[in-house]
C-alpha cells in the first residue's frame, strides 16, 4: 500500500543567498518552491529534518505528495533536490504541481523480484547486472506506480531484459521507448572470472580426452 506523504510548509518572503543561509542555520528549514499547472510559483520553506526522514523512503521520489501550506493543501511531486557539495545537508527543493487530468512524466525505481530463486542465478551461477535503476514513465497521477517490477524467474543466462519487455501497470507507458531506443534494463550473466574458469576447464577436458 502506498504511503501518504504530507509536508508542512511555511510562506517565505525573504529571497537571496543570505536569507537562505539564515533559514537553514537559524530555523533548521530549507527554501523550496512550488510551481506548474499555469499558476504562479510560490516560495516556501520546509523542515530539513522532516524532508531528510521522508527521503529515506524510496517511494518518496515517485509518489504524489501533499504540501500543507497554512492549511491549504496542494498535490505535487518532487521535481528537483539540491544537496550540499560535501556536507550532509539539503539546500533547496522544487515541487511541481499535479493535476489529476494531466499526464505526468516521472522516473520510478526498478525492483528485481525472485533474484535468489531464479534458475539462471541459483542453478547456473549467473549474476543479475542492473543496467538501469529507474525508468521514466508517463501516466495520469492516479496510475503512478511506486516502482516497476522485473520477475527474474524466467530470465535465462545471458539474456537481456529491455524496456520493451517490461510489464507495465495499466495506464502507464514509457515515452522514450521506440524501435531505436529500447534500452537494456537488466541482464543475467556469469561473472567474467567464472567464464574464464569454465573455458579453462573445457580446454583441460578436451586435452585429457585427446590423451
N, C-alpha and C. Protein backbone atom coordinates (compact mmCIF):
# COMPACT_ATOMS: atom_id res chain seq x y z
N UNK A 1 0.84 -1.19 0.00
CA UNK A 1 0.00 0.00 0.00
C UNK A 1 0.88 1.24 0.00
N UNK A 2 0.51 2.24 -0.78
CA UNK A 2 1.30 3.45 -0.89
C UNK A 2 1.24 4.24 0.41
N UNK A 3 2.37 4.80 0.79
CA UNK A 3 2.42 5.64 1.98
C UNK A 3 2.08 7.07 1.59
N UNK A 4 1.29 7.73 2.41
CA UNK A 4 0.92 9.11 2.13
C UNK A 4 1.94 10.05 2.77
N UNK A 5 2.45 10.97 1.99
CA UNK A 5 3.43 11.93 2.49
C UNK A 5 2.79 13.31 2.53
N UNK A 6 2.74 13.91 3.72
CA UNK A 6 2.25 15.27 3.90
C UNK A 6 3.39 16.12 4.44
N UNK A 7 3.73 17.18 3.72
CA UNK A 7 4.86 18.03 4.09
C UNK A 7 4.34 19.37 4.58
N UNK A 8 4.69 19.71 5.81
CA UNK A 8 4.30 21.02 6.35
C UNK A 8 5.19 22.09 5.74
N UNK A 9 4.56 23.15 5.23
CA UNK A 9 5.30 24.22 4.58
C UNK A 9 4.93 25.57 5.18
N UNK A 10 5.82 26.54 4.99
CA UNK A 10 5.63 27.87 5.54
C UNK A 10 5.91 28.91 4.45
N UNK A 11 5.16 30.02 4.44
CA UNK A 11 5.41 31.07 3.45
C UNK A 11 6.82 31.61 3.60
N UNK A 12 7.43 32.00 2.48
CA UNK A 12 8.79 32.55 2.52
C UNK A 12 8.83 33.82 1.67
N UNK A 13 9.13 34.92 2.35
CA UNK A 13 9.19 36.21 1.67
C UNK A 13 10.62 36.63 1.37
N UNK A 14 11.54 36.32 2.29
CA UNK A 14 12.94 36.71 2.11
C UNK A 14 13.57 35.88 1.01
N UNK A 15 14.27 36.54 0.08
CA UNK A 15 14.94 35.86 -1.02
C UNK A 15 16.45 36.10 -0.92
N UNK A 16 17.20 35.38 -1.73
CA UNK A 16 18.64 35.59 -1.77
C UNK A 16 19.41 34.58 -0.94
N UNK A 17 20.73 34.52 -1.20
CA UNK A 17 21.57 33.54 -0.52
C UNK A 17 21.65 33.77 0.98
N UNK A 18 21.74 35.05 1.36
CA UNK A 18 21.83 35.35 2.79
C UNK A 18 20.61 34.89 3.55
N UNK A 19 19.44 35.14 2.98
CA UNK A 19 18.20 34.71 3.62
C UNK A 19 18.12 33.19 3.70
N UNK A 20 18.57 32.52 2.64
CA UNK A 20 18.54 31.05 2.63
C UNK A 20 19.48 30.47 3.68
N UNK A 21 20.66 31.09 3.81
CA UNK A 21 21.61 30.61 4.83
C UNK A 21 21.04 30.79 6.23
N UNK A 22 20.41 31.94 6.50
CA UNK A 22 19.81 32.17 7.81
C UNK A 22 18.69 31.18 8.08
N UNK A 23 17.93 30.90 7.04
CA UNK A 23 16.83 29.94 7.18
C UNK A 23 17.34 28.58 7.59
N UNK A 24 18.41 28.14 6.94
CA UNK A 24 18.96 26.82 7.25
C UNK A 24 19.64 26.81 8.61
N UNK A 25 20.37 27.88 8.92
CA UNK A 25 21.16 27.90 10.14
C UNK A 25 20.31 28.16 11.39
N UNK A 26 19.40 29.12 11.31
CA UNK A 26 18.67 29.55 12.50
C UNK A 26 17.34 28.81 12.69
N UNK A 27 16.66 28.48 11.61
CA UNK A 27 15.34 27.87 11.74
C UNK A 27 15.34 26.38 11.40
N UNK A 28 16.47 25.86 10.93
CA UNK A 28 16.57 24.44 10.56
C UNK A 28 15.59 24.07 9.45
N UNK A 29 15.34 25.04 8.57
CA UNK A 29 14.47 24.81 7.43
C UNK A 29 15.28 25.01 6.15
N UNK A 30 14.71 24.56 5.03
CA UNK A 30 15.36 24.82 3.74
C UNK A 30 14.36 25.52 2.82
N UNK A 31 14.86 26.35 1.91
CA UNK A 31 13.96 27.01 0.95
C UNK A 31 13.47 26.01 -0.10
N UNK A 32 12.28 26.26 -0.60
CA UNK A 32 11.70 25.41 -1.64
C UNK A 32 10.74 26.25 -2.47
N UNK A 33 10.28 25.67 -3.56
CA UNK A 33 9.36 26.37 -4.44
C UNK A 33 8.32 25.40 -4.99
N UNK A 34 7.10 25.90 -5.15
CA UNK A 34 6.03 25.14 -5.79
C UNK A 34 5.68 25.85 -7.09
N UNK A 35 5.63 25.11 -8.20
CA UNK A 35 5.35 25.75 -9.48
C UNK A 35 4.57 24.80 -10.38
N UNK A 36 4.15 25.34 -11.54
CA UNK A 36 3.50 24.50 -12.53
C UNK A 36 2.00 24.66 -12.59
N UNK A 37 1.39 24.00 -13.58
CA UNK A 37 -0.05 23.99 -13.83
C UNK A 37 -0.60 25.39 -14.10
N UNK A 38 0.22 26.25 -14.71
CA UNK A 38 -0.25 27.57 -15.11
C UNK A 38 -0.48 28.54 -13.96
N UNK A 39 -0.03 28.19 -12.76
CA UNK A 39 -0.19 29.08 -11.61
C UNK A 39 1.14 29.74 -11.27
N UNK A 40 1.06 30.81 -10.50
CA UNK A 40 2.27 31.50 -10.08
C UNK A 40 3.10 30.58 -9.17
N UNK A 41 4.42 30.72 -9.29
CA UNK A 41 5.31 29.98 -8.39
C UNK A 41 5.20 30.55 -6.97
N UNK A 42 5.27 29.66 -6.00
CA UNK A 42 5.15 30.07 -4.60
C UNK A 42 6.41 29.65 -3.85
N UNK A 43 7.06 30.62 -3.19
CA UNK A 43 8.25 30.33 -2.41
C UNK A 43 7.84 29.89 -1.00
N UNK A 44 8.39 28.78 -0.57
CA UNK A 44 8.05 28.24 0.75
C UNK A 44 9.33 27.81 1.47
N UNK A 45 9.18 27.42 2.72
CA UNK A 45 10.26 26.77 3.45
C UNK A 45 9.69 25.52 4.10
N UNK A 46 10.53 24.51 4.28
CA UNK A 46 10.09 23.26 4.90
C UNK A 46 11.15 22.79 5.88
N UNK A 47 10.74 21.98 6.85
CA UNK A 47 11.68 21.46 7.84
C UNK A 47 12.70 20.54 7.16
N UNK A 48 13.98 20.82 7.38
CA UNK A 48 15.02 20.00 6.75
C UNK A 48 14.98 18.56 7.27
N UNK A 49 14.87 18.39 8.57
CA UNK A 49 14.89 17.03 9.13
C UNK A 49 13.67 16.22 8.69
N UNK A 50 12.53 16.89 8.54
CA UNK A 50 11.33 16.19 8.07
C UNK A 50 11.53 15.69 6.64
N UNK A 51 12.14 16.53 5.81
CA UNK A 51 12.40 16.11 4.43
C UNK A 51 13.43 14.99 4.38
N UNK A 52 14.48 15.10 5.20
CA UNK A 52 15.50 14.05 5.23
C UNK A 52 14.89 12.71 5.60
N UNK A 53 14.01 12.71 6.57
CA UNK A 53 13.37 11.47 7.01
C UNK A 53 12.51 10.89 5.89
N UNK A 54 11.77 11.77 5.19
CA UNK A 54 10.92 11.30 4.09
C UNK A 54 11.75 10.72 2.96
N UNK A 55 12.94 11.30 2.72
CA UNK A 55 13.79 10.84 1.62
C UNK A 55 14.35 9.44 1.86
N UNK A 56 14.28 8.95 3.09
CA UNK A 56 14.75 7.59 3.39
C UNK A 56 13.83 6.55 2.76
N UNK A 57 12.62 6.97 2.41
CA UNK A 57 11.65 6.07 1.77
C UNK A 57 11.79 6.23 0.26
N UNK A 58 12.13 5.15 -0.42
CA UNK A 58 12.36 5.19 -1.86
C UNK A 58 11.17 5.73 -2.63
N UNK A 59 9.96 5.41 -2.18
CA UNK A 59 8.76 5.81 -2.92
C UNK A 59 8.52 7.31 -2.88
N UNK A 60 9.19 8.04 -1.99
CA UNK A 60 9.01 9.49 -1.90
C UNK A 60 9.33 10.16 -3.23
N UNK A 61 10.30 9.60 -3.97
CA UNK A 61 10.76 10.22 -5.20
C UNK A 61 9.77 10.03 -6.36
N UNK A 62 8.88 9.05 -6.25
CA UNK A 62 7.95 8.77 -7.34
C UNK A 62 6.51 8.73 -6.84
N UNK A 63 6.25 9.49 -5.82
CA UNK A 63 4.94 9.47 -5.18
C UNK A 63 4.27 10.85 -5.29
N UNK A 64 2.94 10.85 -5.34
CA UNK A 64 2.21 12.11 -5.25
C UNK A 64 2.28 12.56 -3.79
N UNK A 65 2.82 13.75 -3.58
CA UNK A 65 2.99 14.29 -2.24
C UNK A 65 1.94 15.37 -1.97
N UNK A 66 1.73 15.66 -0.69
CA UNK A 66 0.82 16.73 -0.31
C UNK A 66 1.59 17.81 0.43
N UNK A 67 1.55 19.03 -0.09
CA UNK A 67 2.14 20.18 0.59
C UNK A 67 1.02 20.88 1.36
N UNK A 68 1.23 21.04 2.67
CA UNK A 68 0.25 21.73 3.51
C UNK A 68 0.81 23.10 3.86
N UNK A 69 0.30 24.13 3.18
CA UNK A 69 0.77 25.49 3.38
C UNK A 69 -0.34 26.31 4.03
N UNK A 70 -0.19 26.56 5.33
CA UNK A 70 -1.21 27.32 6.08
C UNK A 70 -2.60 26.72 5.92
N UNK A 71 -2.67 25.40 5.95
CA UNK A 71 -3.96 24.72 5.86
C UNK A 71 -4.45 24.48 4.45
N UNK A 72 -3.79 25.09 3.47
CA UNK A 72 -4.16 24.87 2.07
C UNK A 72 -3.28 23.77 1.51
N UNK A 73 -3.89 22.72 0.99
CA UNK A 73 -3.13 21.56 0.53
C UNK A 73 -3.05 21.51 -0.99
N UNK A 74 -1.86 21.15 -1.50
CA UNK A 74 -1.65 21.00 -2.94
C UNK A 74 -0.96 19.67 -3.21
N UNK A 75 -1.37 19.03 -4.30
CA UNK A 75 -0.73 17.78 -4.72
C UNK A 75 0.46 18.11 -5.61
N UNK A 76 1.60 17.51 -5.30
CA UNK A 76 2.84 17.82 -6.02
C UNK A 76 3.68 16.55 -6.16
N UNK A 77 4.71 16.65 -6.97
CA UNK A 77 5.77 15.64 -6.97
C UNK A 77 7.10 16.37 -6.76
N UNK A 78 8.07 15.68 -6.22
CA UNK A 78 9.41 16.25 -6.05
C UNK A 78 10.08 16.26 -7.42
N UNK A 79 10.39 17.45 -7.93
CA UNK A 79 10.97 17.56 -9.26
C UNK A 79 12.48 17.70 -9.23
N UNK A 80 13.00 18.36 -8.20
CA UNK A 80 14.45 18.54 -8.12
C UNK A 80 14.84 18.74 -6.67
N UNK A 81 16.04 18.27 -6.34
CA UNK A 81 16.54 18.38 -4.98
C UNK A 81 18.02 18.73 -5.03
N UNK A 82 18.40 19.81 -4.39
CA UNK A 82 19.80 20.23 -4.37
C UNK A 82 20.40 19.89 -3.01
N UNK A 83 21.57 19.27 -3.05
CA UNK A 83 22.30 18.91 -1.84
C UNK A 83 23.62 19.67 -1.78
N UNK A 84 24.15 19.81 -0.57
CA UNK A 84 25.45 20.45 -0.40
C UNK A 84 26.52 19.59 -1.04
N UNK A 85 27.54 20.23 -1.59
CA UNK A 85 28.58 19.50 -2.32
C UNK A 85 29.31 18.47 -1.47
N UNK A 86 29.53 18.76 -0.19
CA UNK A 86 30.28 17.80 0.62
C UNK A 86 29.70 17.60 2.03
N UNK A 87 28.79 18.46 2.45
CA UNK A 87 28.15 18.27 3.74
C UNK A 87 26.84 17.49 3.55
N UNK A 88 26.43 16.81 4.62
CA UNK A 88 25.18 16.04 4.55
C UNK A 88 24.01 16.99 4.80
N UNK A 89 23.88 17.97 3.92
CA UNK A 89 22.85 18.99 4.06
C UNK A 89 22.03 19.10 2.78
N UNK A 90 20.76 19.42 2.95
CA UNK A 90 19.90 19.72 1.82
C UNK A 90 19.92 21.22 1.60
N UNK A 91 19.87 21.66 0.37
CA UNK A 91 19.98 23.07 0.04
C UNK A 91 18.66 23.66 -0.44
N UNK A 92 17.96 22.95 -1.34
CA UNK A 92 16.75 23.51 -1.94
C UNK A 92 15.93 22.39 -2.57
N UNK A 93 14.61 22.55 -2.59
CA UNK A 93 13.73 21.55 -3.19
C UNK A 93 12.74 22.24 -4.14
N UNK A 94 12.48 21.60 -5.28
CA UNK A 94 11.49 22.08 -6.24
C UNK A 94 10.34 21.08 -6.28
N UNK A 95 9.12 21.59 -6.14
CA UNK A 95 7.93 20.75 -6.21
C UNK A 95 7.06 21.19 -7.38
N UNK A 96 6.63 20.23 -8.18
CA UNK A 96 5.79 20.50 -9.35
C UNK A 96 4.35 20.14 -9.03
N UNK A 97 3.46 21.08 -9.28
CA UNK A 97 2.03 20.82 -9.04
C UNK A 97 1.52 19.70 -9.95
N UNK A 98 0.54 18.97 -9.44
CA UNK A 98 -0.03 17.84 -10.16
C UNK A 98 -1.51 18.08 -10.38
N UNK A 99 -1.95 17.83 -11.60
CA UNK A 99 -3.37 17.90 -11.93
C UNK A 99 -3.84 16.48 -12.27
N UNK A 100 -4.94 16.07 -11.65
CA UNK A 100 -5.41 14.68 -11.83
C UNK A 100 -5.74 14.34 -13.28
N UNK A 101 -5.99 15.37 -14.11
CA UNK A 101 -6.37 15.12 -15.50
C UNK A 101 -5.21 15.29 -16.48
N UNK A 102 -4.03 15.63 -15.97
CA UNK A 102 -2.87 15.84 -16.83
C UNK A 102 -1.83 14.75 -16.62
N UNK A 103 -1.28 14.25 -17.71
CA UNK A 103 -0.28 13.18 -17.63
C UNK A 103 1.02 13.68 -17.01
N UNK A 104 1.62 12.82 -16.20
CA UNK A 104 2.91 13.10 -15.58
C UNK A 104 4.00 12.32 -16.29
N UNK A 105 5.22 12.87 -16.26
CA UNK A 105 6.39 12.12 -16.70
C UNK A 105 7.34 12.07 -15.50
N UNK A 106 7.56 10.86 -14.98
CA UNK A 106 8.29 10.68 -13.72
C UNK A 106 9.23 9.50 -13.83
N UNK A 107 10.37 9.58 -13.14
CA UNK A 107 11.27 8.43 -13.04
C UNK A 107 10.86 7.58 -11.83
N UNK A 108 10.66 6.29 -12.05
CA UNK A 108 10.31 5.38 -10.96
C UNK A 108 11.38 4.29 -10.87
N UNK A 109 11.65 3.80 -9.65
CA UNK A 109 12.69 2.78 -9.48
C UNK A 109 12.30 1.43 -10.05
N UNK A 110 13.31 0.64 -10.37
CA UNK A 110 13.13 -0.73 -10.86
C UNK A 110 13.43 -1.69 -9.73
N UNK A 111 12.54 -2.62 -9.48
CA UNK A 111 12.73 -3.65 -8.46
C UNK A 111 12.86 -5.02 -9.13
N UNK A 112 13.87 -5.77 -8.73
CA UNK A 112 14.04 -7.14 -9.21
C UNK A 112 13.42 -8.09 -8.19
N UNK A 113 12.60 -9.01 -8.67
CA UNK A 113 11.98 -9.99 -7.77
C UNK A 113 12.42 -11.39 -8.17
N UNK A 114 12.42 -12.28 -7.17
CA UNK A 114 12.85 -13.69 -7.33
C UNK A 114 14.31 -13.79 -7.79
N UNK A 115 15.11 -12.84 -7.35
CA UNK A 115 16.52 -12.86 -7.73
C UNK A 115 17.25 -14.05 -7.11
N UNK A 116 16.87 -14.41 -5.88
CA UNK A 116 17.56 -15.52 -5.19
C UNK A 116 17.15 -16.90 -5.71
N UNK A 117 15.97 -16.99 -6.29
CA UNK A 117 15.46 -18.31 -6.70
C UNK A 117 15.46 -18.52 -8.21
N UNK A 118 15.78 -17.48 -8.98
CA UNK A 118 15.78 -17.63 -10.44
C UNK A 118 16.78 -18.71 -10.85
N UNK A 119 16.39 -19.70 -11.67
CA UNK A 119 17.28 -20.78 -12.08
C UNK A 119 18.59 -20.29 -12.70
N UNK A 120 18.53 -19.24 -13.50
CA UNK A 120 19.75 -18.73 -14.15
C UNK A 120 20.78 -18.28 -13.13
N UNK A 121 20.30 -17.90 -11.93
CA UNK A 121 21.20 -17.44 -10.87
C UNK A 121 21.50 -18.58 -9.89
N UNK A 122 20.45 -19.19 -9.35
CA UNK A 122 20.62 -20.22 -8.32
C UNK A 122 21.26 -21.49 -8.87
N UNK A 123 20.84 -21.92 -10.05
CA UNK A 123 21.31 -23.19 -10.60
C UNK A 123 22.54 -23.03 -11.49
N UNK A 124 22.54 -21.99 -12.31
CA UNK A 124 23.61 -21.86 -13.32
C UNK A 124 24.68 -20.82 -12.96
N UNK A 125 24.59 -20.25 -11.76
CA UNK A 125 25.67 -19.38 -11.28
C UNK A 125 25.72 -18.00 -11.89
N UNK A 126 24.61 -17.54 -12.47
CA UNK A 126 24.58 -16.21 -13.06
C UNK A 126 24.42 -15.12 -12.00
N UNK A 127 24.66 -13.91 -12.42
CA UNK A 127 24.51 -12.75 -11.55
C UNK A 127 23.67 -11.72 -12.30
N UNK A 128 22.73 -11.09 -11.60
CA UNK A 128 21.90 -10.06 -12.21
C UNK A 128 22.67 -8.74 -12.25
N UNK A 129 22.82 -8.19 -13.44
CA UNK A 129 23.51 -6.91 -13.61
C UNK A 129 22.46 -5.85 -13.95
N UNK A 130 22.32 -4.87 -13.05
CA UNK A 130 21.36 -3.79 -13.26
C UNK A 130 21.97 -2.75 -14.19
N UNK A 131 21.34 -2.54 -15.32
CA UNK A 131 21.82 -1.55 -16.28
C UNK A 131 21.05 -0.24 -16.15
N UNK A 132 19.84 -0.31 -15.61
CA UNK A 132 19.05 0.86 -15.27
C UNK A 132 18.47 0.65 -13.87
N UNK A 133 18.58 1.65 -13.02
CA UNK A 133 17.99 1.54 -11.68
C UNK A 133 16.62 2.19 -11.62
N UNK A 134 16.29 3.00 -12.63
CA UNK A 134 14.98 3.63 -12.69
C UNK A 134 14.56 3.80 -14.15
N UNK A 135 13.27 3.95 -14.33
CA UNK A 135 12.70 4.06 -15.68
C UNK A 135 11.77 5.27 -15.72
N UNK A 136 11.85 6.03 -16.81
CA UNK A 136 10.95 7.17 -16.98
C UNK A 136 9.62 6.68 -17.55
N UNK A 137 8.54 6.99 -16.83
CA UNK A 137 7.21 6.58 -17.27
C UNK A 137 6.30 7.80 -17.39
N UNK A 138 5.24 7.63 -18.16
CA UNK A 138 4.23 8.67 -18.31
C UNK A 138 2.87 8.07 -17.97
N UNK A 139 2.08 8.81 -17.19
CA UNK A 139 0.76 8.32 -16.79
C UNK A 139 0.00 9.43 -16.08
N UNK A 140 -1.27 9.19 -15.87
CA UNK A 140 -2.05 10.09 -15.03
C UNK A 140 -1.65 9.89 -13.57
N UNK A 141 -1.82 10.91 -12.73
CA UNK A 141 -1.42 10.77 -11.32
C UNK A 141 -2.00 9.55 -10.62
N UNK A 142 -3.24 9.20 -10.93
CA UNK A 142 -3.88 8.06 -10.26
C UNK A 142 -3.22 6.72 -10.61
N UNK A 143 -2.52 6.69 -11.74
CA UNK A 143 -1.89 5.44 -12.19
C UNK A 143 -0.40 5.36 -11.88
N UNK A 144 0.14 6.38 -11.22
CA UNK A 144 1.58 6.43 -10.97
C UNK A 144 2.03 5.27 -10.07
N UNK A 145 2.90 4.39 -10.57
CA UNK A 145 3.37 3.26 -9.74
C UNK A 145 4.53 3.70 -8.84
N UNK A 146 4.67 3.05 -7.69
CA UNK A 146 5.81 3.32 -6.82
C UNK A 146 7.10 2.80 -7.44
N UNK A 147 6.97 1.68 -8.19
CA UNK A 147 8.14 1.07 -8.82
C UNK A 147 7.66 0.15 -9.94
N UNK A 148 8.62 -0.28 -10.76
CA UNK A 148 8.35 -1.26 -11.82
C UNK A 148 9.07 -2.55 -11.45
N UNK A 149 8.34 -3.66 -11.45
CA UNK A 149 8.91 -4.95 -11.08
C UNK A 149 9.40 -5.72 -12.31
N UNK A 150 10.52 -6.41 -12.13
CA UNK A 150 11.01 -7.34 -13.14
C UNK A 150 11.18 -8.69 -12.47
N UNK A 151 10.39 -9.66 -12.90
CA UNK A 151 10.48 -11.01 -12.35
C UNK A 151 11.58 -11.77 -13.09
N UNK A 152 12.61 -12.19 -12.35
CA UNK A 152 13.75 -12.86 -12.97
C UNK A 152 13.57 -14.38 -13.12
N UNK A 153 12.42 -14.88 -12.70
CA UNK A 153 12.23 -16.34 -12.69
C UNK A 153 12.49 -16.97 -14.05
N UNK A 154 11.96 -16.38 -15.10
CA UNK A 154 12.07 -16.98 -16.44
C UNK A 154 13.15 -16.33 -17.30
N UNK A 155 13.97 -15.47 -16.70
CA UNK A 155 15.07 -14.85 -17.46
C UNK A 155 16.23 -15.84 -17.51
N UNK A 156 16.69 -16.13 -18.71
CA UNK A 156 17.74 -17.14 -18.89
C UNK A 156 19.13 -16.53 -18.78
N UNK A 157 20.11 -17.41 -18.62
CA UNK A 157 21.50 -16.98 -18.56
C UNK A 157 21.89 -16.30 -19.88
N UNK A 158 22.54 -15.15 -19.78
CA UNK A 158 22.97 -14.32 -20.92
C UNK A 158 21.81 -13.63 -21.63
N UNK A 159 20.64 -13.65 -21.02
CA UNK A 159 19.50 -12.93 -21.58
C UNK A 159 19.50 -11.48 -21.09
N UNK A 160 19.06 -10.56 -21.94
CA UNK A 160 18.96 -9.14 -21.59
C UNK A 160 17.48 -8.74 -21.60
N UNK A 161 17.04 -8.10 -20.55
CA UNK A 161 15.68 -7.59 -20.47
C UNK A 161 15.69 -6.12 -20.88
N UNK A 162 14.93 -5.79 -21.91
CA UNK A 162 14.87 -4.42 -22.42
C UNK A 162 13.60 -3.70 -21.94
N UNK A 163 13.54 -2.41 -22.21
CA UNK A 163 12.36 -1.63 -21.83
C UNK A 163 11.09 -2.24 -22.41
N UNK A 164 11.19 -2.71 -23.64
CA UNK A 164 10.01 -3.27 -24.30
C UNK A 164 9.53 -4.57 -23.65
N UNK A 165 10.36 -5.19 -22.82
CA UNK A 165 9.98 -6.43 -22.16
C UNK A 165 9.26 -6.19 -20.83
N UNK A 166 9.27 -4.97 -20.35
CA UNK A 166 8.70 -4.69 -19.04
C UNK A 166 7.18 -4.82 -19.06
N UNK A 167 6.65 -5.37 -17.97
CA UNK A 167 5.21 -5.47 -17.80
C UNK A 167 4.75 -4.24 -17.01
N UNK A 168 4.14 -3.31 -17.71
CA UNK A 168 3.75 -2.04 -17.10
C UNK A 168 2.32 -2.12 -16.57
N UNK A 169 2.05 -1.43 -15.47
CA UNK A 169 0.66 -1.37 -14.97
C UNK A 169 -0.24 -0.69 -16.00
N UNK A 170 -1.51 -0.94 -15.90
CA UNK A 170 -2.47 -0.34 -16.82
C UNK A 170 -2.40 1.19 -16.72
N UNK A 171 -2.40 1.84 -17.88
CA UNK A 171 -2.38 3.29 -17.90
C UNK A 171 -0.99 3.89 -17.86
N UNK A 172 0.04 3.04 -17.83
CA UNK A 172 1.42 3.52 -17.74
C UNK A 172 2.16 3.19 -19.03
N UNK A 173 2.92 4.15 -19.54
CA UNK A 173 3.71 3.91 -20.75
C UNK A 173 5.11 4.48 -20.57
N UNK A 174 6.02 4.07 -21.43
CA UNK A 174 7.39 4.57 -21.43
C UNK A 174 7.54 5.51 -22.63
N UNK A 175 7.58 6.82 -22.42
CA UNK A 175 7.56 7.76 -23.54
C UNK A 175 8.78 7.69 -24.45
N UNK A 176 9.94 7.29 -23.89
CA UNK A 176 11.17 7.28 -24.69
C UNK A 176 11.34 6.00 -25.49
N UNK A 177 10.41 5.06 -25.35
CA UNK A 177 10.57 3.76 -26.00
C UNK A 177 10.12 3.81 -27.45
N UNK A 178 11.01 3.40 -28.34
CA UNK A 178 10.67 3.16 -29.74
C UNK A 178 11.66 2.15 -30.30
N UNK A 179 11.56 1.87 -31.58
CA UNK A 179 12.40 0.83 -32.19
C UNK A 179 13.89 1.12 -32.06
N UNK A 180 14.25 2.40 -32.02
CA UNK A 180 15.66 2.76 -31.96
C UNK A 180 16.14 3.04 -30.55
N UNK A 181 15.21 3.13 -29.62
CA UNK A 181 15.57 3.43 -28.24
C UNK A 181 14.91 2.43 -27.30
N UNK A 182 15.42 1.24 -27.30
CA UNK A 182 14.91 0.16 -26.45
C UNK A 182 16.04 -0.25 -25.51
N UNK A 183 16.23 0.54 -24.47
CA UNK A 183 17.39 0.34 -23.59
C UNK A 183 17.33 -0.98 -22.83
N UNK A 184 18.51 -1.51 -22.56
CA UNK A 184 18.63 -2.70 -21.72
C UNK A 184 18.45 -2.27 -20.26
N UNK A 185 17.72 -3.06 -19.50
CA UNK A 185 17.42 -2.74 -18.11
C UNK A 185 18.21 -3.64 -17.16
N UNK A 186 18.21 -4.93 -17.43
CA UNK A 186 18.92 -5.89 -16.58
C UNK A 186 19.32 -7.09 -17.43
N UNK A 187 20.41 -7.73 -17.05
CA UNK A 187 20.82 -8.96 -17.72
C UNK A 187 21.32 -9.94 -16.67
N UNK A 188 21.31 -11.20 -17.02
CA UNK A 188 21.88 -12.23 -16.13
C UNK A 188 23.05 -12.86 -16.87
N UNK A 189 24.21 -12.73 -16.29
CA UNK A 189 25.43 -13.28 -16.89
C UNK A 189 26.30 -13.88 -15.81
N UNK A 190 27.20 -14.75 -16.25
CA UNK A 190 28.20 -15.25 -15.31
C UNK A 190 29.29 -14.20 -15.18
N UNK A 191 29.85 -14.04 -13.97
CA UNK A 191 30.95 -13.09 -13.79
C UNK A 191 32.10 -13.45 -14.73
N UNK A 192 32.88 -12.46 -15.13
CA UNK A 192 33.97 -12.69 -16.09
C UNK A 192 34.94 -13.76 -15.61
N UNK A 193 35.26 -13.74 -14.35
CA UNK A 193 36.19 -14.74 -13.81
C UNK A 193 35.64 -16.14 -13.94
N UNK A 194 34.34 -16.27 -13.72
CA UNK A 194 33.71 -17.60 -13.81
C UNK A 194 33.74 -18.09 -15.25
N UNK A 195 33.53 -17.18 -16.21
CA UNK A 195 33.56 -17.58 -17.62
C UNK A 195 34.96 -18.06 -18.01
N UNK A 196 35.98 -17.36 -17.50
CA UNK A 196 37.35 -17.76 -17.81
C UNK A 196 37.66 -19.13 -17.23
N UNK A 197 37.20 -19.37 -15.99
CA UNK A 197 37.42 -20.67 -15.35
C UNK A 197 36.73 -21.77 -16.13
N UNK A 198 35.52 -21.52 -16.60
CA UNK A 198 34.78 -22.53 -17.36
C UNK A 198 35.49 -22.85 -18.67
N UNK A 199 36.04 -21.82 -19.30
CA UNK A 199 36.76 -22.03 -20.57
C UNK A 199 38.00 -22.88 -20.34
N UNK A 200 38.72 -22.60 -19.24
CA UNK A 200 39.92 -23.38 -18.93
C UNK A 200 39.55 -24.83 -18.63
N UNK A 201 38.46 -25.04 -17.90
CA UNK A 201 38.02 -26.40 -17.58
C UNK A 201 37.68 -27.16 -18.86
N UNK A 202 37.03 -26.45 -19.80
CA UNK A 202 36.65 -27.10 -21.06
C UNK A 202 37.89 -27.49 -21.86
N UNK A 203 38.92 -26.59 -21.89
CA UNK A 203 40.15 -26.89 -22.59
C UNK A 203 40.88 -28.09 -21.98
N UNK A 204 40.91 -28.12 -20.65
CA UNK A 204 41.57 -29.23 -19.97
C UNK A 204 40.85 -30.54 -20.24
N UNK A 205 39.52 -30.48 -20.30
CA UNK A 205 38.75 -31.70 -20.58
C UNK A 205 39.03 -32.21 -21.97
N UNK A 206 39.14 -31.28 -22.94
CA UNK A 206 39.45 -31.68 -24.32
C UNK A 206 40.83 -32.28 -24.42
N UNK A 207 41.80 -31.65 -23.73
CA UNK A 207 43.18 -32.17 -23.77
C UNK A 207 43.26 -33.55 -23.14
N UNK A 208 42.49 -33.75 -22.07
CA UNK A 208 42.50 -35.06 -21.43
C UNK A 208 41.91 -36.12 -22.31
N UNK A 209 40.90 -35.73 -23.09
CA UNK A 209 40.26 -36.69 -24.00
C UNK A 209 41.19 -37.09 -25.13
N UNK A 210 42.07 -36.15 -25.59
CA UNK A 210 42.99 -36.46 -26.66
C UNK A 210 44.04 -37.47 -26.23
N UNK A 211 44.42 -37.46 -24.98
CA UNK A 211 45.42 -38.43 -24.49
C UNK A 211 44.83 -39.83 -24.45
